[in-house]
N, C-alpha and C. Protein backbone atom coordinates (compact mmCIF):
# COMPACT_ATOMS: atom_id res chain seq x y z
N MET A 1 -27.19 33.08 33.02
CA MET A 1 -27.17 33.76 31.74
C MET A 1 -26.15 33.13 30.80
N ARG A 2 -24.98 32.80 31.33
CA ARG A 2 -23.91 32.23 30.49
C ARG A 2 -24.33 30.88 29.92
N ASP A 3 -25.10 30.09 30.68
CA ASP A 3 -25.54 28.78 30.21
C ASP A 3 -26.42 28.89 28.97
N LYS A 4 -27.14 29.97 28.84
CA LYS A 4 -28.01 30.14 27.69
C LYS A 4 -27.21 30.45 26.43
N LEU A 5 -26.01 30.99 26.57
CA LEU A 5 -25.19 31.35 25.42
C LEU A 5 -24.38 30.17 24.88
N LEU A 6 -24.11 29.19 25.70
CA LEU A 6 -23.30 28.05 25.28
C LEU A 6 -24.19 26.97 24.66
N PRO A 7 -23.73 26.35 23.59
CA PRO A 7 -24.52 25.27 23.00
C PRO A 7 -24.50 24.06 23.92
N PRO A 8 -25.52 23.22 23.85
CA PRO A 8 -25.54 22.03 24.70
C PRO A 8 -24.42 21.07 24.29
N HIS A 9 -23.96 20.29 25.25
CA HIS A 9 -22.91 19.31 24.98
C HIS A 9 -23.48 18.19 24.12
N ARG A 10 -22.81 17.86 23.03
CA ARG A 10 -23.34 16.87 22.09
C ARG A 10 -22.39 15.68 21.96
N GLY A 11 -22.05 15.05 23.00
CA GLY A 11 -21.20 13.85 22.93
C GLY A 11 -19.72 14.19 23.03
N PRO A 12 -18.89 13.17 22.85
CA PRO A 12 -17.45 13.36 23.02
C PRO A 12 -16.87 14.24 21.92
N ARG A 13 -15.87 14.99 22.29
CA ARG A 13 -15.20 15.83 21.31
C ARG A 13 -14.23 14.98 20.51
N ILE A 14 -14.16 15.23 19.21
CA ILE A 14 -13.24 14.46 18.38
C ILE A 14 -11.99 15.26 18.05
N TRP A 15 -11.85 16.42 18.62
CA TRP A 15 -10.68 17.25 18.36
C TRP A 15 -9.38 16.51 18.65
N PRO A 16 -9.24 15.81 19.79
CA PRO A 16 -7.98 15.10 20.03
C PRO A 16 -7.68 14.05 18.97
N ILE A 17 -8.69 13.39 18.44
CA ILE A 17 -8.48 12.39 17.40
C ILE A 17 -7.97 13.06 16.13
N ARG A 18 -8.61 14.15 15.75
CA ARG A 18 -8.17 14.87 14.55
C ARG A 18 -6.75 15.38 14.71
N THR A 19 -6.44 15.89 15.88
CA THR A 19 -5.10 16.41 16.13
C THR A 19 -4.07 15.28 16.05
N GLY A 20 -4.38 14.15 16.63
CA GLY A 20 -3.46 13.01 16.57
C GLY A 20 -3.24 12.54 15.15
N PHE A 21 -4.31 12.48 14.36
CA PHE A 21 -4.19 12.07 12.97
C PHE A 21 -3.35 13.07 12.19
N ALA A 22 -3.60 14.35 12.41
CA ALA A 22 -2.84 15.39 11.71
C ALA A 22 -1.36 15.31 12.07
N CYS A 23 -1.06 15.07 13.34
CA CYS A 23 0.34 14.93 13.76
C CYS A 23 0.99 13.72 13.10
N ALA A 24 0.27 12.63 13.00
CA ALA A 24 0.82 11.42 12.36
C ALA A 24 1.13 11.68 10.89
N VAL A 25 0.23 12.37 10.21
CA VAL A 25 0.45 12.68 8.80
C VAL A 25 1.65 13.61 8.64
N LEU A 26 1.75 14.62 9.50
CA LEU A 26 2.88 15.54 9.43
C LEU A 26 4.20 14.82 9.69
N LEU A 27 4.22 13.89 10.63
CA LEU A 27 5.44 13.13 10.89
C LEU A 27 5.83 12.29 9.68
N MET A 28 4.86 11.67 9.03
CA MET A 28 5.17 10.87 7.84
C MET A 28 5.70 11.75 6.71
N VAL A 29 5.10 12.92 6.53
CA VAL A 29 5.56 13.83 5.50
C VAL A 29 6.97 14.32 5.82
N ALA A 30 7.22 14.64 7.08
CA ALA A 30 8.55 15.10 7.48
C ALA A 30 9.58 14.00 7.28
N ALA A 31 9.24 12.77 7.59
CA ALA A 31 10.16 11.65 7.39
C ALA A 31 10.45 11.47 5.91
N GLY A 32 9.46 11.65 5.07
CA GLY A 32 9.66 11.54 3.63
C GLY A 32 10.52 12.67 3.10
N ALA A 33 10.39 13.87 3.66
CA ALA A 33 11.21 15.00 3.22
C ALA A 33 12.65 14.84 3.66
N ALA A 34 12.87 14.18 4.79
CA ALA A 34 14.23 13.99 5.28
C ALA A 34 14.99 12.97 4.46
N ASN A 35 14.29 12.03 3.83
CA ASN A 35 14.92 11.00 3.00
C ASN A 35 14.53 11.22 1.55
N PRO A 36 15.36 11.92 0.78
CA PRO A 36 14.99 12.13 -0.61
C PRO A 36 14.90 10.81 -1.36
N CYS A 37 14.02 10.76 -2.32
CA CYS A 37 13.78 9.51 -3.07
C CYS A 37 14.98 9.15 -3.92
N ALA A 38 15.34 7.89 -3.88
CA ALA A 38 16.44 7.41 -4.70
C ALA A 38 15.97 7.14 -6.13
N ARG A 39 14.70 7.04 -6.32
CA ARG A 39 14.15 6.73 -7.63
C ARG A 39 13.47 7.97 -8.17
N ALA A 40 14.15 8.69 -9.02
CA ALA A 40 13.68 10.00 -9.47
C ALA A 40 12.49 9.91 -10.43
N ASP A 41 12.23 8.74 -10.99
CA ASP A 41 11.16 8.63 -11.97
C ASP A 41 9.77 8.51 -11.34
N VAL A 42 9.70 8.34 -10.03
CA VAL A 42 8.42 8.22 -9.34
C VAL A 42 8.25 9.41 -8.41
N GLU A 43 7.08 10.01 -8.46
CA GLU A 43 6.80 11.14 -7.60
C GLU A 43 6.80 10.69 -6.14
N PRO A 44 7.36 11.51 -5.23
CA PRO A 44 7.41 11.12 -3.82
C PRO A 44 6.03 10.82 -3.22
N ASP A 45 5.00 11.53 -3.67
CA ASP A 45 3.68 11.27 -3.10
C ASP A 45 3.15 9.90 -3.53
N LYS A 46 3.58 9.40 -4.67
CA LYS A 46 3.19 8.05 -5.10
C LYS A 46 3.87 7.01 -4.21
N GLU A 47 5.14 7.24 -3.90
CA GLU A 47 5.84 6.33 -3.00
C GLU A 47 5.19 6.35 -1.62
N LEU A 48 4.82 7.53 -1.16
CA LEU A 48 4.17 7.63 0.15
C LEU A 48 2.83 6.90 0.13
N ALA A 49 2.08 7.05 -0.94
CA ALA A 49 0.80 6.34 -1.05
C ALA A 49 1.02 4.83 -1.02
N TYR A 50 2.04 4.36 -1.72
CA TYR A 50 2.36 2.92 -1.70
C TYR A 50 2.72 2.48 -0.29
N LEU A 51 3.58 3.26 0.37
CA LEU A 51 4.01 2.90 1.72
C LEU A 51 2.84 2.86 2.70
N ILE A 52 1.97 3.82 2.61
CA ILE A 52 0.81 3.83 3.50
C ILE A 52 -0.06 2.61 3.22
N GLY A 53 -0.25 2.30 1.95
CA GLY A 53 -1.09 1.16 1.58
C GLY A 53 -0.57 -0.17 2.05
N VAL A 54 0.75 -0.36 1.99
CA VAL A 54 1.28 -1.69 2.33
C VAL A 54 1.80 -1.80 3.75
N THR A 55 2.05 -0.69 4.42
CA THR A 55 2.54 -0.80 5.79
C THR A 55 1.42 -0.71 6.82
N THR A 56 0.28 -0.19 6.44
CA THR A 56 -0.84 -0.14 7.39
C THR A 56 -1.71 -1.38 7.30
N ARG A 57 -1.56 -2.15 6.26
CA ARG A 57 -2.33 -3.38 6.10
C ARG A 57 -1.57 -4.51 6.77
N PRO A 58 -2.22 -5.30 7.61
CA PRO A 58 -1.51 -6.38 8.30
C PRO A 58 -1.10 -7.49 7.33
N GLY A 59 -0.02 -8.17 7.70
CA GLY A 59 0.39 -9.34 6.94
C GLY A 59 1.68 -9.21 6.17
N TYR A 60 2.12 -7.99 5.87
CA TYR A 60 3.34 -7.84 5.09
C TYR A 60 4.57 -7.73 5.98
N ASN A 61 4.47 -7.01 7.06
CA ASN A 61 5.54 -6.91 8.07
C ASN A 61 6.90 -6.53 7.50
N PHE A 62 6.94 -5.49 6.68
CA PHE A 62 8.22 -4.98 6.20
C PHE A 62 8.95 -4.36 7.38
N THR A 63 10.26 -4.54 7.43
CA THR A 63 11.03 -4.00 8.55
C THR A 63 11.31 -2.52 8.40
N SER A 64 11.23 -2.00 7.18
CA SER A 64 11.48 -0.58 6.96
C SER A 64 10.77 -0.12 5.70
N ALA A 65 10.70 1.18 5.54
CA ALA A 65 10.10 1.74 4.33
C ALA A 65 10.94 1.38 3.11
N ASP A 66 12.26 1.39 3.27
CA ASP A 66 13.13 1.03 2.14
C ASP A 66 12.89 -0.41 1.69
N GLU A 67 12.70 -1.31 2.64
CA GLU A 67 12.43 -2.70 2.29
C GLU A 67 11.11 -2.82 1.53
N ALA A 68 10.10 -2.09 1.98
CA ALA A 68 8.80 -2.12 1.30
C ALA A 68 8.92 -1.56 -0.12
N LEU A 69 9.64 -0.45 -0.27
CA LEU A 69 9.83 0.14 -1.59
C LEU A 69 10.63 -0.79 -2.50
N ASP A 70 11.69 -1.39 -1.97
CA ASP A 70 12.49 -2.32 -2.77
C ASP A 70 11.63 -3.49 -3.25
N TYR A 71 10.78 -3.99 -2.39
CA TYR A 71 9.91 -5.10 -2.78
C TYR A 71 8.94 -4.65 -3.87
N GLY A 72 8.36 -3.48 -3.71
CA GLY A 72 7.43 -2.96 -4.72
C GLY A 72 8.11 -2.74 -6.06
N TYR A 73 9.31 -2.16 -6.04
CA TYR A 73 10.04 -1.97 -7.28
C TYR A 73 10.48 -3.30 -7.88
N GLY A 74 10.69 -4.30 -7.04
CA GLY A 74 10.99 -5.65 -7.53
C GLY A 74 9.80 -6.22 -8.30
N ILE A 75 8.60 -5.97 -7.79
CA ILE A 75 7.39 -6.40 -8.51
C ILE A 75 7.34 -5.71 -9.87
N CYS A 76 7.62 -4.42 -9.89
CA CYS A 76 7.61 -3.68 -11.15
C CYS A 76 8.62 -4.26 -12.14
N ALA A 77 9.80 -4.61 -11.65
CA ALA A 77 10.83 -5.18 -12.52
C ALA A 77 10.37 -6.51 -13.10
N LYS A 78 9.71 -7.32 -12.29
CA LYS A 78 9.22 -8.62 -12.78
C LYS A 78 8.14 -8.43 -13.84
N VAL A 79 7.26 -7.46 -13.63
CA VAL A 79 6.21 -7.19 -14.62
C VAL A 79 6.85 -6.70 -15.92
N SER A 80 7.84 -5.82 -15.81
CA SER A 80 8.48 -5.29 -17.02
C SER A 80 9.24 -6.36 -17.79
N ARG A 81 9.71 -7.41 -17.09
CA ARG A 81 10.39 -8.53 -17.77
C ARG A 81 9.39 -9.51 -18.36
N GLY A 82 8.10 -9.29 -18.13
CA GLY A 82 7.08 -10.14 -18.73
C GLY A 82 6.61 -11.30 -17.87
N LEU A 83 6.94 -11.28 -16.58
CA LEU A 83 6.47 -12.34 -15.70
C LEU A 83 4.95 -12.29 -15.63
N GLY A 84 4.29 -13.41 -15.80
CA GLY A 84 2.84 -13.46 -15.81
C GLY A 84 2.25 -13.25 -14.42
N TYR A 85 0.99 -12.83 -14.41
CA TYR A 85 0.30 -12.53 -13.17
C TYR A 85 0.21 -13.75 -12.26
N ALA A 86 -0.09 -14.91 -12.83
CA ALA A 86 -0.22 -16.12 -12.01
C ALA A 86 1.10 -16.44 -11.30
N GLN A 87 2.21 -16.31 -12.02
CA GLN A 87 3.51 -16.57 -11.40
C GLN A 87 3.83 -15.51 -10.35
N LEU A 88 3.47 -14.28 -10.63
CA LEU A 88 3.70 -13.19 -9.68
C LEU A 88 2.92 -13.42 -8.39
N ILE A 89 1.67 -13.83 -8.51
CA ILE A 89 0.85 -14.15 -7.33
C ILE A 89 1.52 -15.25 -6.52
N THR A 90 1.96 -16.29 -7.19
CA THR A 90 2.61 -17.42 -6.51
C THR A 90 3.86 -16.98 -5.77
N GLU A 91 4.67 -16.13 -6.40
CA GLU A 91 5.90 -15.66 -5.76
C GLU A 91 5.60 -14.80 -4.54
N VAL A 92 4.64 -13.89 -4.65
CA VAL A 92 4.29 -13.03 -3.51
C VAL A 92 3.74 -13.88 -2.36
N GLN A 93 2.89 -14.84 -2.68
CA GLN A 93 2.36 -15.72 -1.64
C GLN A 93 3.49 -16.48 -0.95
N GLY A 94 4.46 -16.94 -1.72
CA GLY A 94 5.60 -17.64 -1.13
C GLY A 94 6.45 -16.74 -0.26
N ASP A 95 6.65 -15.50 -0.70
CA ASP A 95 7.47 -14.55 0.07
C ASP A 95 6.83 -14.22 1.41
N PHE A 96 5.50 -14.21 1.46
CA PHE A 96 4.81 -13.83 2.69
C PHE A 96 4.13 -15.01 3.38
N ASN A 97 4.45 -16.20 2.92
CA ASN A 97 3.95 -17.43 3.54
C ASN A 97 2.44 -17.39 3.75
N THR A 98 1.73 -17.14 2.65
CA THR A 98 0.28 -17.08 2.71
C THR A 98 -0.31 -17.75 1.47
N SER A 99 -1.53 -18.21 1.59
CA SER A 99 -2.24 -18.73 0.43
C SER A 99 -3.37 -17.78 0.03
N ASP A 100 -3.39 -16.62 0.65
CA ASP A 100 -4.44 -15.63 0.42
C ASP A 100 -4.17 -14.87 -0.89
N ASP A 101 -4.98 -15.15 -1.90
CA ASP A 101 -4.84 -14.47 -3.19
C ASP A 101 -5.05 -12.97 -3.04
N TYR A 102 -6.00 -12.57 -2.20
CA TYR A 102 -6.29 -11.14 -2.05
C TYR A 102 -5.08 -10.40 -1.49
N GLN A 103 -4.42 -10.99 -0.50
CA GLN A 103 -3.26 -10.33 0.09
C GLN A 103 -2.16 -10.14 -0.96
N ALA A 104 -1.93 -11.16 -1.77
CA ALA A 104 -0.91 -11.06 -2.81
C ALA A 104 -1.32 -10.07 -3.89
N SER A 105 -2.56 -10.14 -4.34
CA SER A 105 -3.00 -9.25 -5.42
C SER A 105 -3.05 -7.80 -4.95
N TYR A 106 -3.34 -7.57 -3.68
CA TYR A 106 -3.36 -6.20 -3.14
C TYR A 106 -1.97 -5.58 -3.24
N LEU A 107 -0.96 -6.33 -2.84
CA LEU A 107 0.42 -5.82 -2.88
C LEU A 107 0.86 -5.56 -4.33
N ILE A 108 0.54 -6.48 -5.22
CA ILE A 108 0.89 -6.31 -6.63
C ILE A 108 0.18 -5.09 -7.21
N SER A 109 -1.09 -4.93 -6.90
CA SER A 109 -1.85 -3.78 -7.40
C SER A 109 -1.31 -2.47 -6.87
N GLN A 110 -0.98 -2.43 -5.59
CA GLN A 110 -0.42 -1.21 -5.00
C GLN A 110 0.88 -0.84 -5.70
N ALA A 111 1.75 -1.82 -5.92
CA ALA A 111 3.03 -1.55 -6.59
C ALA A 111 2.80 -1.02 -8.00
N ALA A 112 1.94 -1.69 -8.75
CA ALA A 112 1.70 -1.26 -10.13
C ALA A 112 1.05 0.12 -10.19
N ASN A 113 0.04 0.34 -9.37
CA ASN A 113 -0.68 1.61 -9.42
C ASN A 113 0.16 2.79 -8.96
N GLU A 114 0.98 2.59 -7.96
CA GLU A 114 1.72 3.72 -7.38
C GLU A 114 3.16 3.84 -7.87
N LEU A 115 3.83 2.73 -8.10
CA LEU A 115 5.26 2.78 -8.42
C LEU A 115 5.57 2.64 -9.90
N CYS A 116 4.74 1.94 -10.64
CA CYS A 116 5.01 1.76 -12.07
C CYS A 116 3.70 1.75 -12.87
N PRO A 117 2.98 2.88 -12.85
CA PRO A 117 1.69 2.92 -13.53
C PRO A 117 1.78 2.67 -15.04
N GLU A 118 2.95 2.88 -15.62
CA GLU A 118 3.11 2.63 -17.05
C GLU A 118 3.01 1.14 -17.39
N LEU A 119 3.08 0.28 -16.37
CA LEU A 119 3.01 -1.17 -16.58
C LEU A 119 1.64 -1.77 -16.26
N ILE A 120 0.68 -0.92 -15.92
CA ILE A 120 -0.63 -1.42 -15.52
C ILE A 120 -1.27 -2.26 -16.62
N TRP A 121 -1.24 -1.78 -17.86
CA TRP A 121 -1.89 -2.54 -18.93
C TRP A 121 -1.20 -3.88 -19.17
N GLN A 122 0.11 -3.88 -19.08
CA GLN A 122 0.84 -5.14 -19.24
C GLN A 122 0.43 -6.13 -18.15
N LEU A 123 0.32 -5.63 -16.92
CA LEU A 123 -0.10 -6.49 -15.81
C LEU A 123 -1.54 -6.96 -16.00
N ARG A 124 -2.42 -6.06 -16.40
CA ARG A 124 -3.82 -6.44 -16.62
C ARG A 124 -3.95 -7.49 -17.72
N ASN A 125 -3.20 -7.32 -18.79
CA ASN A 125 -3.27 -8.30 -19.88
C ASN A 125 -2.80 -9.67 -19.42
N SER A 126 -1.78 -9.72 -18.57
CA SER A 126 -1.30 -11.02 -18.10
C SER A 126 -2.27 -11.64 -17.08
N ALA A 127 -3.13 -10.81 -16.49
CA ALA A 127 -4.09 -11.30 -15.49
C ALA A 127 -5.47 -11.57 -16.09
N ALA A 128 -5.62 -11.32 -17.38
CA ALA A 128 -6.94 -11.37 -18.01
C ALA A 128 -7.68 -12.68 -17.76
N HIS A 129 -7.01 -13.80 -17.85
CA HIS A 129 -7.69 -15.09 -17.71
C HIS A 129 -7.30 -15.82 -16.43
N TYR A 130 -6.74 -15.07 -15.49
CA TYR A 130 -6.32 -15.68 -14.23
C TYR A 130 -7.54 -16.09 -13.41
N ARG A 131 -7.49 -17.27 -12.87
CA ARG A 131 -8.50 -17.75 -11.94
C ARG A 131 -7.78 -18.31 -10.73
N PRO A 132 -8.17 -17.90 -9.53
CA PRO A 132 -7.52 -18.45 -8.34
C PRO A 132 -7.70 -19.96 -8.29
N PRO A 133 -6.71 -20.66 -7.75
CA PRO A 133 -6.86 -22.11 -7.63
C PRO A 133 -8.02 -22.45 -6.71
N ALA A 134 -8.67 -23.55 -7.00
CA ALA A 134 -9.79 -24.00 -6.16
C ALA A 134 -9.26 -24.37 -4.79
N SER A 135 -9.93 -23.90 -3.76
CA SER A 135 -9.49 -24.23 -2.41
C SER A 135 -9.93 -25.64 -2.06
N ALA A 136 -9.22 -26.23 -1.12
CA ALA A 136 -9.52 -27.60 -0.72
C ALA A 136 -10.88 -27.69 -0.05
N GLY A 137 -11.28 -26.61 0.60
CA GLY A 137 -12.59 -26.58 1.25
C GLY A 137 -12.63 -27.40 2.53
N PRO A 138 -13.75 -27.33 3.26
CA PRO A 138 -13.85 -28.05 4.53
C PRO A 138 -14.13 -29.51 4.34
């Protein structure tokens, strides 16, 4: 009789995955609450979004959240001083020892979108006619 009341088993349960993800998010939020932001002009959730974007993507290898934030705010400072997009791409590629334009542009975009959104138009204008260098090819 009891078997008729229970629904049939429909594959693996995803509850442990959801619980693990929720715990990870709570730990990140708790860590952010324990370290108040030193930069009062940016909302903490924007900094968290930037950190998630650049620390979960392979290739940057920041040693700490502070190092990642400092680097992002450094990008913002360069944009505010009028450094052009092409030069910014070159500097980021040099800092991370890569020739991947996407990797460099992703980091620059994350910094601008999350840490200094007031500079987005300035950055876009400097990138308007940017073309990646032609690759050597095979």
